[in-house]
Amino acid sequence: MSTDLSPADGAGNRELLHFLTQETRFAILGNVLQHPEGLPSMYELEQLNPSVSEATVYKHVQKLIDAGILEEVALSEDERRQGYPWKFYGLTEEGRTFLEEHNLLAAEETLQRIYESIGDKSGKMEKYETAPRPDR
């Protein structure tokens, strides 16, 4: 789905809202919003969505990128560390604006508090959560 987020086209907005609120995509958006850095790695997204396959998480992240809601952000080669992720996923400016305009960011702080309270994270999840991230 290729979507221009700038026009205030009613039909286009409804279509994009329907697209974004599909259960898995909406969960992924929530994961991005609740992440301490707003930039989870694919591994973190996969772990936060255990009821769907890794391939499904990847497919929906790619759809959100294609729609202009998410972007892939990578560490430069000299910033990468062995054993740590180097690709991360965050909201685009246009995506954040669209979500704000449609009142889909209202729970962002609550989502972050819920994420902070998740206990019993695996060692790898904690390691990835604290991995260096690119400046945005």
Protein backbone atom coordinates (compact mmCIF):
# COMPACT_ATOMS: atom_id res chain seq x y z
CA MET A 1 0.00 0.00 0.00
CA SER A 2 1.51 3.29 -1.03
CA THR A 3 -0.13 6.17 0.73
CA ASP A 4 0.52 9.88 0.70
CA LEU A 5 -0.07 11.04 4.26
CA SER A 6 -0.19 14.74 3.50
CA PRO A 7 -3.58 15.37 1.86
CA ALA A 8 -6.59 15.64 4.10
CA ASP A 9 -8.58 13.42 1.74
CA GLY A 10 -11.48 11.91 3.72
CA ALA A 11 -11.65 8.61 1.81
CA GLY A 12 -7.86 8.24 1.89
CA ASN A 13 -7.79 8.95 5.61
CA ARG A 14 -10.48 6.35 6.27
CA GLU A 15 -8.60 3.81 4.18
CA LEU A 16 -5.34 4.51 6.03
CA LEU A 17 -7.07 4.37 9.43
CA HIS A 18 -8.58 1.02 8.52
CA PHE A 19 -5.15 -0.17 7.33
CA LEU A 20 -3.42 1.00 10.54
CA THR A 21 -5.99 -0.45 12.90
CA GLN A 22 -5.68 -3.98 11.52
CA GLU A 23 -4.87 -5.96 14.67
CA THR A 24 -1.23 -6.90 14.01
CA ARG A 25 -0.26 -3.54 12.49
CA PHE A 26 -1.94 -1.69 15.36
CA ALA A 27 -0.07 -3.87 17.87
CA ILE A 28 3.23 -3.10 16.11
CA LEU A 29 2.48 0.63 16.22
CA GLY A 30 1.78 0.26 19.94
CA ASN A 31 5.11 -1.56 20.37
CA VAL A 32 6.96 1.29 18.65
CA LEU A 33 5.16 3.88 20.78
CA GLN A 34 5.84 2.04 24.03
CA HIS A 35 9.51 1.34 23.35
CA PRO A 36 11.82 3.41 25.61
CA GLU A 37 13.65 4.82 22.57
CA GLY A 38 10.75 4.63 20.12
CA LEU A 39 13.02 2.45 17.97
CA PRO A 40 12.55 -1.26 18.57
CA SER A 41 14.55 -3.82 16.62
CA MET A 42 12.80 -6.53 14.60
CA TYR A 43 13.68 -9.04 17.32
CA GLU A 44 11.96 -6.89 19.96
CA LEU A 45 8.87 -6.54 17.77
CA GLU A 46 8.79 -10.30 17.23
CA GLN A 47 9.10 -10.99 20.98
CA LEU A 48 6.33 -8.51 21.79
CA ASN A 49 3.99 -10.27 19.34
CA PRO A 50 4.34 -13.96 20.22
CA SER A 51 0.94 -14.90 18.80
CA VAL A 52 2.07 -14.21 15.22
CA SER A 53 4.99 -15.62 13.27
CA GLU A 54 8.23 -13.72 12.75
CA ALA A 55 7.46 -13.61 9.02
CA THR A 56 4.09 -12.01 9.73
CA VAL A 57 5.65 -9.34 11.97
CA TYR A 58 8.22 -8.60 9.27
CA LYS A 59 5.53 -8.41 6.56
CA HIS A 60 3.42 -5.95 8.56
CA VAL A 61 6.44 -3.78 9.44
CA GLN A 62 7.24 -3.59 5.72
CA LYS A 63 3.63 -2.61 4.95
CA LEU A 64 3.83 0.17 7.55
CA ILE A 65 7.08 1.36 5.95
CA ASP A 66 5.48 1.29 2.50
CA ALA A 67 2.56 3.33 3.86
CA GLY A 68 4.96 6.00 5.18
CA ILE A 69 4.07 5.41 8.84
CA LEU A 70 7.29 3.67 9.92
CA GLU A 71 10.85 4.02 8.75
CA GLU A 72 13.86 1.77 9.07
CA VAL A 73 16.73 3.48 10.87
CA ALA A 74 20.15 1.86 10.84
CA LEU A 75 23.36 2.42 12.75
CA SER A 76 26.32 3.42 10.61
CA GLU A 77 28.85 0.63 10.05
CA ASP A 78 31.30 2.12 12.54
CA GLU A 79 28.59 2.25 15.25
CA ARG A 80 27.53 -1.41 14.88
CA ARG A 81 28.52 -3.89 17.57
CA GLN A 82 28.73 -7.62 17.12
CA GLY A 83 25.84 -9.43 18.75
CA TYR A 84 23.59 -6.36 18.81
CA PRO A 85 20.90 -5.22 16.40
CA TRP A 86 21.70 -2.41 13.99
CA LYS A 87 18.34 -1.89 12.27
CA PHE A 88 15.48 -0.29 14.12
CA TYR A 89 11.97 0.85 13.30
CA GLY A 90 10.36 4.13 14.30
CA LEU A 91 7.54 6.46 13.35
CA THR A 92 8.15 8.85 10.50
CA GLU A 93 7.34 12.50 11.15
CA GLU A 94 4.38 12.15 8.79
CA GLY A 95 3.27 8.99 10.57
CA ARG A 96 3.40 10.69 13.98
CA THR A 97 1.45 13.66 12.61
CA PHE A 98 -1.21 11.38 11.10
CA LEU A 99 -1.56 9.42 14.34
CA GLU A 100 -1.82 12.67 16.35
CA GLU A 101 -4.44 14.10 13.97
CA HIS A 102 -6.53 10.96 14.39
CA ASN A 103 -6.10 10.75 18.16
CA LEU A 104 -4.16 7.49 18.03
CA LEU A 105 -1.32 8.74 20.25
CA ALA A 106 -3.45 9.46 23.29
CA ALA A 107 -2.23 6.34 25.09
CA GLU A 108 1.49 6.75 24.31
CA GLU A 109 2.54 7.50 27.91
CA THR A 110 0.37 4.67 29.25
CA LEU A 111 1.90 2.27 26.73
CA GLN A 112 5.38 3.31 27.85
CA ARG A 113 4.52 2.70 31.51
CA ILE A 114 3.11 -0.74 30.65
CA TYR A 115 6.28 -1.59 28.73
CA GLU A 116 8.45 -0.52 31.68
CA SER A 117 6.46 -2.79 33.99
CA ILE A 118 6.95 -5.92 31.87
CA GLY A 119 8.87 -8.27 34.09
CA ASP A 120 10.64 -11.46 33.18
CA LYS A 121 12.19 -10.27 29.93
CA SER A 122 14.71 -12.66 28.46
CA GLY A 123 18.39 -11.76 28.65
CA LYS A 124 18.47 -11.28 24.89
CA MET A 125 15.43 -8.99 25.03
CA GLU A 126 17.07 -6.86 27.74
CA LYS A 127 20.31 -6.79 25.76
CA TYR A 128 18.53 -5.70 22.58
CA GLU A 129 16.43 -3.15 24.45
CA THR A 130 19.59 -1.41 25.67
CA ALA A 131 21.48 -1.70 22.37
CA PRO A 132 22.91 1.51 20.92
CA ARG A 133 20.46 3.26 18.63
CA PRO A 134 20.97 5.82 15.88
CA ASP A 135 20.24 9.47 16.52
CA ARG A 136 17.11 10.72 14.82
